[in-house]
Amino acid sequence: MFLVITYSKAARQALRNVCNRHEDVVVRRFGRAALFEATEFGAFCALRLRATGEGDVQVERTEPLNEFESRFERARRAAAAFEARESPYTPYAKFAAGTDHPAPEAMRDREL
């Protein structure tokens, strides 16, 4: 998919116009941003906005997250265990201490 982010009033209006005119290419709208389908027409719409946006439009290519890939295993298990904790008021660092779950500092330093 293509993530289109706008940074000015004029760019936001242009994004709204494209989204309203070409609803079939829009996956989701977020106000200042939108996700377009990963089709040639989706790329055309995104790049057209960027070309007329005078630097106020950013376009990024995204891919859906497959949480079951092996590289996300530790984070997925830790998140599931943390959400199943006894007290919702226990912060993650305290929850993870003394367990097999990764510490927040270790997760911040580990690139995926």
PDB file of N, CA and C in Angstrom:
ATOM      1  N   MET A   1       0.838  -1.179   0.000  1.00  0.00           N
ATOM      2  CA  MET A   1       0.000   0.000   0.000  1.00  0.00           C
ATOM      3  C   MET A   1       0.883   1.243   0.000  1.00  0.00           C
ATOM      4  N   PHE A   2       0.263   2.364  -0.302  1.00  0.00           N
ATOM      5  CA  PHE A   2       0.963   3.640  -0.293  1.00  0.00           C
ATOM      6  C   PHE A   2       0.367   4.513   0.802  1.00  0.00           C
ATOM      7  N   LEU A   3       1.217   4.981   1.696  1.00  0.00           N
ATOM      8  CA  LEU A   3       0.800   5.891   2.752  1.00  0.00           C
ATOM      9  C   LEU A   3       1.110   7.307   2.292  1.00  0.00           C
ATOM     10  N   VAL A   4       0.081   8.130   2.208  1.00  0.00           N
ATOM     11  CA  VAL A   4       0.229   9.521   1.764  1.00  0.00           C
ATOM     12  C   VAL A   4      -0.033  10.410   2.975  1.00  0.00           C
ATOM     13  N   ILE A   5       0.948  11.236   3.323  1.00  0.00           N
ATOM     14  CA  ILE A   5       0.849  12.125   4.481  1.00  0.00           C
ATOM     15  C   ILE A   5       0.973  13.560   3.988  1.00  0.00           C
ATOM     16  N   THR A   6       0.070  14.417   4.459  1.00  0.00           N
ATOM     17  CA  THR A   6       0.083  15.817   4.020  1.00  0.00           C
ATOM     18  C   THR A   6       0.499  16.728   5.167  1.00  0.00           C
ATOM     19  N   TYR A   7       1.149  17.853   4.817  1.00  0.00           N
ATOM     20  CA  TYR A   7       1.678  18.767   5.818  1.00  0.00           C
ATOM     21  C   TYR A   7       1.220  20.215   5.643  1.00  0.00           C
ATOM     22  N   SER A   8       0.248  20.464   4.803  1.00  0.00           N
ATOM     23  CA  SER A   8      -0.264  21.817   4.645  1.00  0.00           C
ATOM     24  C   SER A   8      -1.763  21.750   4.382  1.00  0.00           C
ATOM     25  N   LYS A   9      -2.421  22.881   4.553  1.00  0.00           N
ATOM     26  CA  LYS A   9      -3.862  22.950   4.329  1.00  0.00           C
ATOM     27  C   LYS A   9      -4.214  22.631   2.870  1.00  0.00           C
ATOM     28  N   ALA A  10      -3.435  23.182   1.953  1.00  0.00           N
ATOM     29  CA  ALA A  10      -3.692  22.934   0.529  1.00  0.00           C
ATOM     30  C   ALA A  10      -3.489  21.463   0.175  1.00  0.00           C
ATOM     31  N   ALA A  11      -2.453  20.849   0.741  1.00  0.00           N
ATOM     32  CA  ALA A  11      -2.190  19.432   0.469  1.00  0.00           C
ATOM     33  C   ALA A  11      -3.297  18.559   1.055  1.00  0.00           C
ATOM     34  N   ARG A  12      -3.792  18.912   2.241  1.00  0.00           N
ATOM     35  CA  ARG A  12      -4.904  18.156   2.845  1.00  0.00           C
ATOM     36  C   ARG A  12      -6.151  18.245   1.975  1.00  0.00           C
ATOM     37  N   GLN A  13      -6.410  19.432   1.431  1.00  0.00           N
ATOM     38  CA  GLN A  13      -7.577  19.594   0.558  1.00  0.00           C
ATOM     39  C   GLN A  13      -7.417  18.764  -0.716  1.00  0.00           C
ATOM     40  N   ALA A  14      -6.220  18.766  -1.267  1.00  0.00           N
ATOM     41  CA  ALA A  14      -5.968  17.956  -2.468  1.00  0.00           C
ATOM     42  C   ALA A  14      -6.147  16.470  -2.157  1.00  0.00           C
ATOM     43  N   LEU A  15      -5.694  16.039  -0.978  1.00  0.00           N
ATOM     44  CA  LEU A  15      -5.867  14.647  -0.575  1.00  0.00           C
ATOM     45  C   LEU A  15      -7.355  14.304  -0.437  1.00  0.00           C
ATOM     46  N   ARG A  16      -8.104  15.188   0.192  1.00  0.00           N
ATOM     47  CA  ARG A  16      -9.558  14.966   0.317  1.00  0.00           C
ATOM     48  C   ARG A  16     -10.204  14.842  -1.052  1.00  0.00           C
ATOM     49  N   ASN A  17      -9.816  15.728  -1.970  1.00  0.00           N
ATOM     50  CA  ASN A  17     -10.385  15.692  -3.320  1.00  0.00           C
ATOM     51  C   ASN A  17     -10.085  14.365  -4.026  1.00  0.00           C
ATOM     52  N   VAL A  18      -8.840  13.917  -3.945  1.00  0.00           N
ATOM     53  CA  VAL A  18      -8.470  12.652  -4.583  1.00  0.00           C
ATOM     54  C   VAL A  18      -9.229  11.493  -3.933  1.00  0.00           C
ATOM     55  N   CYS A  19      -9.315  11.508  -2.610  1.00  0.00           N
ATOM     56  CA  CYS A  19     -10.015  10.427  -1.906  1.00  0.00           C
ATOM     57  C   CYS A  19     -11.498  10.398  -2.269  1.00  0.00           C
ATOM     58  N   ASN A  20     -12.120  11.567  -2.379  1.00  0.00           N
ATOM     59  CA  ASN A  20     -13.536  11.619  -2.734  1.00  0.00           C
ATOM     60  C   ASN A  20     -13.771  11.218  -4.186  1.00  0.00           C
ATOM     61  N   ARG A  21     -12.865  11.616  -5.046  1.00  0.00           N
ATOM     62  CA  ARG A  21     -13.030  11.347  -6.478  1.00  0.00           C
ATOM     63  C   ARG A  21     -12.694   9.897  -6.842  1.00  0.00           C
ATOM     64  N   HIS A  22     -11.753   9.303  -6.116  1.00  0.00           N
ATOM     65  CA  HIS A  22     -11.278   7.954  -6.446  1.00  0.00           C
ATOM     66  C   HIS A  22     -11.393   7.039  -5.222  1.00  0.00           C
ATOM     67  N   GLU A  23     -12.595   6.889  -4.712  1.00  0.00           N
ATOM     68  CA  GLU A  23     -12.823   6.083  -3.509  1.00  0.00           C
ATOM     69  C   GLU A  23     -12.357   4.640  -3.670  1.00  0.00           C
ATOM     70  N   ASP A  24     -12.367   4.130  -4.892  1.00  0.00           N
ATOM     71  CA  ASP A  24     -11.981   2.741  -5.135  1.00  0.00           C
ATOM     72  C   ASP A  24     -10.512   2.466  -4.850  1.00  0.00           C
ATOM     73  N   VAL A  25      -9.662   3.479  -4.861  1.00  0.00           N
ATOM     74  CA  VAL A  25      -8.232   3.300  -4.614  1.00  0.00           C
ATOM     75  C   VAL A  25      -7.885   3.519  -3.137  1.00  0.00           C
ATOM     76  N   VAL A  26      -8.794   4.119  -2.370  1.00  0.00           N
ATOM     77  CA  VAL A  26      -8.533   4.447  -0.972  1.00  0.00           C
ATOM     78  C   VAL A  26      -8.832   3.236  -0.084  1.00  0.00           C
ATOM     79  N   VAL A  27      -7.823   2.813   0.651  1.00  0.00           N
ATOM     80  CA  VAL A  27      -7.998   1.711   1.601  1.00  0.00           C
ATOM     81  C   VAL A  27      -8.524   2.263   2.920  1.00  0.00           C
ATOM     82  N   ARG A  28      -7.935   3.394   3.368  1.00  0.00           N
ATOM     83  CA  ARG A  28      -8.354   4.013   4.635  1.00  0.00           C
ATOM     84  C   ARG A  28      -7.916   5.466   4.662  1.00  0.00           C
ATOM     85  N   ARG A  29      -8.737   6.302   5.284  1.00  0.00           N
ATOM     86  CA  ARG A  29      -8.417   7.726   5.436  1.00  0.00           C
ATOM     87  C   ARG A  29      -8.166   8.036   6.900  1.00  0.00           C
ATOM     88  N   PHE A  30      -7.218   8.935   7.163  1.00  0.00           N
ATOM     89  CA  PHE A  30      -6.855   9.313   8.519  1.00  0.00           C
ATOM     90  C   PHE A  30      -6.814  10.832   8.710  1.00  0.00           C
ATOM     91  N   GLY A  31      -7.570  11.598   7.997  1.00  0.00           N
ATOM     92  CA  GLY A  31      -7.508  13.051   8.109  1.00  0.00           C
ATOM     93  C   GLY A  31      -6.367  13.612   7.291  1.00  0.00           C
ATOM     94  N   ARG A  32      -5.198  13.761   7.893  1.00  0.00           N
ATOM     95  CA  ARG A  32      -4.014  14.286   7.194  1.00  0.00           C
ATOM     96  C   ARG A  32      -3.308  13.237   6.347  1.00  0.00           C
ATOM     97  N   ALA A  33      -3.759  11.989   6.437  1.00  0.00           N
ATOM     98  CA  ALA A  33      -3.098  10.897   5.729  1.00  0.00           C
ATOM     99  C   ALA A  33      -4.132   9.933   5.162  1.00  0.00           C
ATOM    100  N   ALA A  34      -3.666   9.103   4.234  1.00  0.00           N
ATOM    101  CA  ALA A  34      -4.533   8.069   3.648  1.00  0.00           C
ATOM    102  C   ALA A  34      -3.661   6.922   3.160  1.00  0.00           C
ATOM    103  N   LEU A  35      -4.278   5.756   3.122  1.00  0.00           N
ATOM    104  CA  LEU A  35      -3.644   4.575   2.541  1.00  0.00           C
ATOM    105  C   LEU A  35      -4.299   4.302   1.201  1.00  0.00           C
ATOM    106  N   PHE A  36      -3.494   4.194   0.155  1.00  0.00           N
ATOM    107  CA  PHE A  36      -3.981   3.864  -1.173  1.00  0.00           C
ATOM    108  C   PHE A  36      -3.586   2.427  -1.491  1.00  0.00           C
ATOM    109  N   GLU A  37      -4.391   1.785  -2.352  1.00  0.00           N
ATOM    110  CA  GLU A  37      -4.088   0.423  -2.794  1.00  0.00           C
ATOM    111  C   GLU A  37      -2.728   0.365  -3.478  1.00  0.00           C
ATOM    112  N   ALA A  38      -2.113  -0.804  -3.395  1.00  0.00           N
ATOM    113  CA  ALA A  38      -0.805  -1.011  -4.028  1.00  0.00           C
ATOM    114  C   ALA A  38      -0.987  -1.406  -5.489  1.00  0.00           C
ATOM    115  N   THR A  39      -1.641  -0.525  -6.224  1.00  0.00           N
ATOM    116  CA  THR A  39      -1.840  -0.729  -7.657  1.00  0.00           C
ATOM    117  C   THR A  39      -1.147   0.407  -8.398  1.00  0.00           C
ATOM    118  N   GLU A  40      -1.054   0.278  -9.689  1.00  0.00           N
ATOM    119  CA  GLU A  40      -0.444   1.350 -10.477  1.00  0.00           C
ATOM    120  C   GLU A  40      -1.255   2.631 -10.343  1.00  0.00           C
ATOM    121  N   PHE A  41      -2.586   2.497 -10.275  1.00  0.00           N
ATOM    122  CA  PHE A  41      -3.412   3.685 -10.132  1.00  0.00           C
ATOM    123  C   PHE A  41      -3.246   4.295  -8.731  1.00  0.00           C
ATOM    124  N   GLY A  42      -3.071   3.449  -7.709  1.00  0.00           N
ATOM    125  CA  GLY A  42      -2.788   3.953  -6.371  1.00  0.00           C
ATOM    126  C   GLY A  42      -1.496   4.744  -6.346  1.00  0.00           C
ATOM    127  N   ALA A  43      -0.473   4.213  -7.029  1.00  0.00           N
ATOM    128  CA  ALA A  43       0.801   4.931  -7.128  1.00  0.00           C
ATOM    129  C   ALA A  43       0.633   6.230  -7.900  1.00  0.00           C
ATOM    130  N   PHE A  44      -0.136   6.194  -8.974  1.00  0.00           N
ATOM    131  CA  PHE A  44      -0.398   7.402  -9.763  1.00  0.00           C
ATOM    132  C   PHE A  44      -1.027   8.486  -8.893  1.00  0.00           C
ATOM    133  N   CYS A  45      -2.053   8.135  -8.130  1.00  0.00           N
ATOM    134  CA  CYS A  45      -2.732   9.122  -7.271  1.00  0.00           C
ATOM    135  C   CYS A  45      -1.774   9.686  -6.225  1.00  0.00           C
ATOM    136  N   ALA A  46      -1.001   8.807  -5.598  1.00  0.00           N
ATOM    137  CA  ALA A  46      -0.048   9.254  -4.570  1.00  0.00           C
ATOM    138  C   ALA A  46       1.020  10.159  -5.164  1.00  0.00           C
ATOM    139  N   LEU A  47       1.571   9.754  -6.292  1.00  0.00           N
ATOM    140  CA  LEU A  47       2.646  10.542  -6.910  1.00  0.00           C
ATOM    141  C   LEU A  47       2.128  11.836  -7.514  1.00  0.00           C
ATOM    142  N   ARG A  48       0.890  11.841  -7.958  1.00  0.00           N
ATOM    143  CA  ARG A  48       0.283  13.079  -8.455  1.00  0.00           C
ATOM    144  C   ARG A  48       0.152  14.090  -7.316  1.00  0.00           C
ATOM    145  N   LEU A  49      -0.287  13.619  -6.152  1.00  0.00           N
ATOM    146  CA  LEU A  49      -0.378  14.509  -4.986  1.00  0.00           C
ATOM    147  C   LEU A  49       1.001  15.040  -4.603  1.00  0.00           C
ATOM    148  N   ARG A  50       1.986  14.169  -4.655  1.00  0.00           N
ATOM    149  CA  ARG A  50       3.351  14.587  -4.311  1.00  0.00           C
ATOM    150  C   ARG A  50       3.886  15.608  -5.306  1.00  0.00           C
ATOM    151  N   ALA A  51       3.576  15.409  -6.578  1.00  0.00           N
ATOM    152  CA  ALA A  51       4.062  16.328  -7.617  1.00  0.00           C
ATOM    153  C   ALA A  51       3.443  17.713  -7.480  1.00  0.00           C
ATOM    154  N   THR A  52       2.184  17.775  -7.046  1.00  0.00           N
ATOM    155  CA  THR A  52       1.521  19.082  -6.912  1.00  0.00           C
ATOM    156  C   THR A  52       1.622  19.636  -5.496  1.00  0.00           C
ATOM    157  N   GLY A  53       2.157  18.863  -4.577  1.00  0.00           N
ATOM    158  CA  GLY A  53       2.190  19.267  -3.174  1.00  0.00           C
ATOM    159  C   GLY A  53       3.310  20.188  -2.775  1.00  0.00           C
ATOM    160  N   GLU A  54       4.245  20.443  -3.660  1.00  0.00           N
ATOM    161  CA  GLU A  54       5.357  21.357  -3.390  1.00  0.00           C
ATOM    162  C   GLU A  54       6.073  21.036  -2.073  1.00  0.00           C
ATOM    163  N   GLY A  55       6.377  19.778  -1.844  1.00  0.00           N
ATOM    164  CA  GLY A  55       7.105  19.392  -0.639  1.00  0.00           C
ATOM    165  C   GLY A  55       6.237  19.155   0.581  1.00  0.00           C
ATOM    166  N   ASP A  56       4.942  19.362   0.457  1.00  0.00           N
ATOM    167  CA  ASP A  56       4.038  19.185   1.587  1.00  0.00           C
ATOM    168  C   ASP A  56       3.344  17.827   1.590  1.00  0.00           C
ATOM    169  N   VAL A  57       3.783  16.927   0.725  1.00  0.00           N
ATOM    170  CA  VAL A  57       3.194  15.587   0.649  1.00  0.00           C
ATOM    171  C   VAL A  57       4.323  14.567   0.702  1.00  0.00           C
ATOM    172  N   GLN A  58       4.182  13.637   1.620  1.00  0.00           N
ATOM    173  CA  GLN A  58       5.143  12.544   1.758  1.00  0.00           C
ATOM    174  C   GLN A  58       4.449  11.253   1.351  1.00  0.00           C
ATOM    175  N   VAL A  59       5.137  10.423   0.595  1.00  0.00           N
ATOM    176  CA  VAL A  59       4.587   9.139   0.165  1.00  0.00           C
ATOM    177  C   VAL A  59       5.544   8.039   0.615  1.00  0.00           C
ATOM    178  N   GLU A  60       4.995   7.038   1.285  1.00  0.00           N
ATOM    179  CA  GLU A  60       5.774   5.889   1.734  1.00  0.00           C
ATOM    180  C   GLU A  60       5.086   4.617   1.270  1.00  0.00           C
ATOM    181  N   ARG A  61       5.855   3.625   0.950  1.00  0.00           N
ATOM    182  CA  ARG A  61       5.298   2.319   0.601  1.00  0.00           C
ATOM    183  C   ARG A  61       5.262   1.492   1.875  1.00  0.00           C
ATOM    184  N   THR A  62       4.133   0.864   2.138  1.00  0.00           N
ATOM    185  CA  THR A  62       3.980   0.076   3.355  1.00  0.00           C
ATOM    186  C   THR A  62       3.644  -1.367   3.012  1.00  0.00           C
ATOM    187  N   GLU A  63       3.782  -2.215   4.000  1.00  0.00           N
ATOM    188  CA  GLU A  63       3.349  -3.600   3.845  1.00  0.00           C
ATOM    189  C   GLU A  63       2.672  -4.025   5.141  1.00  0.00           C
ATOM    190  N   PRO A  64       1.657  -4.848   5.055  1.00  0.00           N
ATOM    191  CA  PRO A  64       0.967  -5.297   6.259  1.00  0.00           C
ATOM    192  C   PRO A  64       1.912  -6.082   7.172  1.00  0.00           C
ATOM    193  N   LEU A  65       1.689  -5.972   8.452  1.00  0.00           N
ATOM    194  CA  LEU A  65       2.503  -6.675   9.440  1.00  0.00           C
ATOM    195  C   LEU A  65       1.990  -8.100   9.599  1.00  0.00           C
ATOM    196  N   ASN A  66       2.870  -9.065   9.415  1.00  0.00           N
ATOM    197  CA  ASN A  66       2.546 -10.463   9.700  1.00  0.00           C
ATOM    198  C   ASN A  66       3.169 -10.779  11.044  1.00  0.00           C
ATOM    199  N   GLU A  67       2.381 -10.666  12.097  1.00  0.00           N
ATOM    200  CA  GLU A  67       2.897 -10.827  13.450  1.00  0.00           C
ATOM    201  C   GLU A  67       3.424 -12.230  13.737  1.00  0.00           C
ATOM    202  N   PHE A  68       3.106 -13.190  12.872  1.00  0.00           N
ATOM    203  CA  PHE A  68       3.535 -14.563  13.099  1.00  0.00           C
ATOM    204  C   PHE A  68       4.871 -14.905  12.445  1.00  0.00           C
ATOM    205  N   GLU A  69       5.508 -13.921  11.813  1.00  0.00           N
ATOM    206  CA  GLU A  69       6.868 -14.131  11.326  1.00  0.00           C
ATOM    207  C   GLU A  69       7.778 -14.347  12.524  1.00  0.00           C
ATOM    208  N   SER A  70       8.807 -15.140  12.330  1.00  0.00           N
ATOM    209  CA  SER A  70       9.688 -15.484  13.450  1.00  0.00           C
ATOM    210  C   SER A  70      10.366 -14.265  14.070  1.00  0.00           C
ATOM    211  N   ARG A  71      10.613 -13.233  13.294  1.00  0.00           N
ATOM    212  CA  ARG A  71      11.293 -12.057  13.849  1.00  0.00           C
ATOM    213  C   ARG A  71      10.427 -11.277  14.839  1.00  0.00           C
ATOM    214  N   PHE A  72       9.119 -11.502  14.845  1.00  0.00           N
ATOM    215  CA  PHE A  72       8.232 -10.826  15.789  1.00  0.00           C
ATOM    216  C   PHE A  72       7.826 -11.715  16.962  1.00  0.00           C
ATOM    217  N   GLU A  73       8.339 -12.942  17.006  1.00  0.00           N
ATOM    218  CA  GLU A  73       7.924 -13.924  18.005  1.00  0.00           C
ATOM    219  C   GLU A  73       8.044 -13.399  19.443  1.00  0.00           C
ATOM    220  N   ARG A  74       9.220 -12.876  19.812  1.00  0.00           N
ATOM    221  CA  ARG A  74       9.416 -12.391  21.193  1.00  0.00           C
ATOM    222  C   ARG A  74       8.440 -11.271  21.536  1.00  0.00           C
ATOM    223  N   ALA A  75       8.300 -10.326  20.652  1.00  0.00           N
ATOM    224  CA  ALA A  75       7.413  -9.195  20.909  1.00  0.00           C
ATOM    225  C   ALA A  75       5.959  -9.652  20.990  1.00  0.00           C
ATOM    226  N   ARG A  76       5.558 -10.571  20.114  1.00  0.00           N
ATOM    227  CA  ARG A  76       4.175 -11.058  20.124  1.00  0.00           C
ATOM    228  C   ARG A  76       3.863 -11.803  21.413  1.00  0.00           C
ATOM    229  N   ARG A  77       4.773 -12.701  21.841  1.00  0.00           N
ATOM    230  CA  ARG A  77       4.550 -13.435  23.090  1.00  0.00           C
ATOM    231  C   ARG A  77       4.528 -12.495  24.293  1.00  0.00           C
ATOM    232  N   ALA A  78       5.435 -11.531  24.305  1.00  0.00           N
ATOM    233  CA  ALA A  78       5.483 -10.578  25.413  1.00  0.00           C
ATOM    234  C   ALA A  78       4.216  -9.725  25.466  1.00  0.00           C
ATOM    235  N   ALA A  79       3.738  -9.282  24.319  1.00  0.00           N
ATOM    236  CA  ALA A  79       2.522  -8.459  24.272  1.00  0.00           C
ATOM    237  C   ALA A  79       1.309  -9.255  24.743  1.00  0.00           C
ATOM    238  N   ALA A  80       1.204 -10.511  24.308  1.00  0.00           N
ATOM    239  CA  ALA A  80       0.068 -11.347  24.717  1.00  0.00           C
ATOM    240  C   ALA A  80       0.105 -11.604  26.224  1.00  0.00           C
ATOM    241  N   ALA A  81       1.277 -11.917  26.749  1.00  0.00           N
ATOM    242  CA  ALA A  81       1.397 -12.167  28.194  1.00  0.00           C
ATOM    243  C   ALA A  81       1.117 -10.893  28.988  1.00  0.00           C
ATOM    244  N   PHE A  82       1.604  -9.772  28.501  1.00  0.00           N
ATOM    245  CA  PHE A  82       1.395  -8.504  29.203  1.00  0.00           C
ATOM    246  C   PHE A  82      -0.084  -8.145  29.244  1.00  0.00           C
ATOM    247  N   GLU A  83      -0.797  -8.363  28.168  1.00  0.00           N
ATOM    248  CA  GLU A  83      -2.231  -8.059  28.145  1.00  0.00           C
ATOM    249  C   GLU A  83      -3.030  -9.025  29.014  1.00  0.00           C
ATOM    250  N   ALA A  84      -2.481 -10.207  29.297  1.00  0.00           N
ATOM    251  CA  ALA A  84      -3.159 -11.187  30.152  1.00  0.00           C
ATOM    252  C   ALA A  84      -2.719 -11.084  31.615  1.00  0.00           C
ATOM    253  N   ARG A  85      -1.951 -10.054  31.977  1.00  0.00           N
ATOM    254  CA  ARG A  85      -1.440  -9.913  33.346  1.00  0.00           C
ATOM    255  C   ARG A  85      -2.590  -9.746  34.338  1.00  0.00           C
ATOM    256  N   GLU A  86      -2.282 -10.019  35.614  1.00  0.00           N
ATOM    257  CA  GLU A  86      -3.313  -9.970  36.651  1.00  0.00           C
ATOM    258  C   GLU A  86      -3.821  -8.559  36.907  1.00  0.00           C
ATOM    259  N   SER A  87      -2.904  -7.610  36.982  1.00  0.00           N
ATOM    260  CA  SER A  87      -3.304  -6.233  37.274  1.00  0.00           C
ATOM    261  C   SER A  87      -3.037  -5.333  36.067  1.00  0.00           C
ATOM    262  N   PRO A  88      -4.055  -4.617  35.608  1.00  0.00           N
ATOM    263  CA  PRO A  88      -3.838  -3.722  34.461  1.00  0.00           C
ATOM    264  C   PRO A  88      -2.963  -2.511  34.810  1.00  0.00           C
ATOM    265  N   TYR A  89      -2.636  -2.339  36.081  1.00  0.00           N
ATOM    266  CA  TYR A  89      -1.839  -1.184  36.515  1.00  0.00           C
ATOM    267  C   TYR A  89      -0.345  -1.486  36.603  1.00  0.00           C
ATOM    268  N   THR A  90       0.039  -2.732  36.346  1.00  0.00           N
ATOM    269  CA  THR A  90       1.450  -3.101  36.390  1.00  0.00           C
ATOM    270  C   THR A  90       2.129  -2.651  35.107  1.00  0.00           C
ATOM    271  N   PRO A  91       3.155  -1.798  35.214  1.00  0.00           N
ATOM    272  CA  PRO A  91       3.864  -1.369  33.997  1.00  0.00           C
ATOM    273  C   PRO A  91       4.669  -2.529  33.413  1.00  0.00           C
ATOM    274  N   TYR A  92       4.956  -2.443  32.126  1.00  0.00           N
ATOM    275  CA  TYR A  92       5.626  -3.559  31.456  1.00  0.00           C
ATOM    276  C   TYR A  92       6.990  -3.870  32.064  1.00  0.00           C
ATOM    277  N   ALA A  93       7.783  -2.862  32.383  1.00  0.00           N
ATOM    278  CA  ALA A  93       9.131  -3.111  32.926  1.00  0.00           C
ATOM    279  C   ALA A  93       9.054  -3.955  34.196  1.00  0.00           C
ATOM    280  N   LYS A  94       8.132  -3.648  35.066  1.00  0.00           N
ATOM    281  CA  LYS A  94       7.956  -4.414  36.304  1.00  0.00           C
ATOM    282  C   LYS A  94       7.425  -5.807  35.995  1.00  0.00           C
ATOM    283  N   PHE A  95       6.508  -5.909  35.052  1.00  0.00           N
ATOM    284  CA  PHE A  95       5.946  -7.196  34.655  1.00  0.00           C
ATOM    285  C   PHE A  95       7.024  -8.117  34.093  1.00  0.00           C
ATOM    286  N   ALA A  96       7.915  -7.588  33.271  1.00  0.00           N
ATOM    287  CA  ALA A  96       8.928  -8.401  32.586  1.00  0.00           C
ATOM    288  C   ALA A  96      10.090  -8.796  33.480  1.00  0.00           C
ATOM    289  N   ALA A  97      10.311  -8.041  34.574  1.00  0.00           N
ATOM    290  CA  ALA A  97      11.448  -8.320  35.462  1.00  0.00           C
ATOM    291  C   ALA A  97      11.336  -9.728  36.035  1.00  0.00           C
ATOM    292  N   GLY A  98      12.423 -10.489  35.918  1.00  0.00           N
ATOM    293  CA  GLY A  98      12.472 -11.837  36.469  1.00  0.00           C
ATOM    294  C   GLY A  98      11.727 -12.879  35.651  1.00  0.00           C
ATOM    295  N   THR A  99      11.358 -12.549  34.414  1.00  0.00           N
ATOM    296  CA  THR A  99      10.672 -13.508  33.540  1.00  0.00           C
ATOM    297  C   THR A  99      11.498 -13.727  32.277  1.00  0.00           C
ATOM    298  N   ASP A 100      10.999 -14.572  31.403  1.00  0.00           N
ATOM    299  CA  ASP A 100      11.665 -14.795  30.117  1.00  0.00           C
ATOM    300  C   ASP A 100      11.329 -13.712  29.098  1.00  0.00           C
ATOM    301  N   HIS A 101      10.436 -12.806  29.448  1.00  0.00           N
ATOM    302  CA  HIS A 101      10.045 -11.745  28.516  1.00  0.00           C
ATOM    303  C   HIS A 101      11.151 -10.696  28.431  1.00  0.00           C
ATOM    304  N   PRO A 102      11.356 -10.132  27.236  1.00  0.00           N
ATOM    305  CA  PRO A 102      12.442  -9.158  27.068  1.00  0.00           C
ATOM    306  C   PRO A 102      12.161  -7.856  27.821  1.00  0.00           C
ATOM    307  N   ALA A 103      13.230  -7.259  28.331  1.00  0.00           N
ATOM    308  CA  ALA A 103      13.119  -5.964  29.002  1.00  0.00           C
ATOM    309  C   ALA A 103      12.864  -4.884  27.955  1.00  0.00           C
ATOM    310  N   PRO A 104      12.200  -3.793  28.337  1.00  0.00           N
ATOM    311  CA  PRO A 104      11.936  -2.717  27.370  1.00  0.00           C
ATOM    312  C   PRO A 104      13.214  -2.191  26.714  1.00  0.00           C
ATOM    313  N   GLU A 105      14.300  -2.080  27.480  1.00  0.00           N
ATOM    314  CA  GLU A 105      15.559  -1.574  26.921  1.00  0.00           C
ATOM    315  C   GLU A 105      16.094  -2.514  25.845  1.00  0.00           C
ATOM    316  N   ALA A 106      15.961  -3.817  26.091  1.00  0.00           N
ATOM    317  CA  ALA A 106      16.440  -4.796  25.100  1.00  0.00           C
ATOM    318  C   ALA A 106      15.623  -4.700  23.824  1.00  0.00           C
ATOM    319  N   MET A 107      14.318  -4.484  23.954  1.00  0.00           N
ATOM    320  CA  MET A 107      13.475  -4.375  22.763  1.00  0.00           C
ATOM    321  C   MET A 107      13.764  -3.090  21.998  1.00  0.00           C
ATOM    322  N   ARG A 108      14.075  -2.014  22.712  1.00  0.00           N
ATOM    323  CA  ARG A 108      14.376  -0.743  22.026  1.00  0.00           C
ATOM    324  C   ARG A 108      15.639  -0.830  21.188  1.00  0.00           C
ATOM    325  N   ASP A 109      16.588  -1.645  21.646  1.00  0.00           N
ATOM    326  CA  ASP A 109      17.876  -1.763  20.953  1.00  0.00           C
ATOM    327  C   ASP A 109      17.882  -2.817  19.859  1.00  0.00           C
ATOM    328  N   ARG A 110      16.866  -3.655  19.801  1.00  0.00           N
ATOM    329  CA  ARG A 110      16.852  -4.768  18.838  1.00  0.00           C
ATOM    330  C   ARG A 110      16.086  -4.374  17.581  1.00  0.00           C
ATOM    331  N   GLU A 111      16.792  -4.332  16.467  1.00  0.00           N
ATOM    332  CA  GLU A 111      16.156  -4.020  15.186  1.00  0.00           C
ATOM    333  C   GLU A 111      15.478  -5.253  14.633  1.00  0.00           C
ATOM    334  N   LEU A 112      14.364  -5.036  13.957  1.00  0.00           N
ATOM    335  CA  LEU A 112      13.675  -6.138  13.315  1.00  0.00           C
ATOM    336  C   LEU A 112      13.881  -6.043  11.829  1.00  0.00           C
TER     337      LEU A 112
END
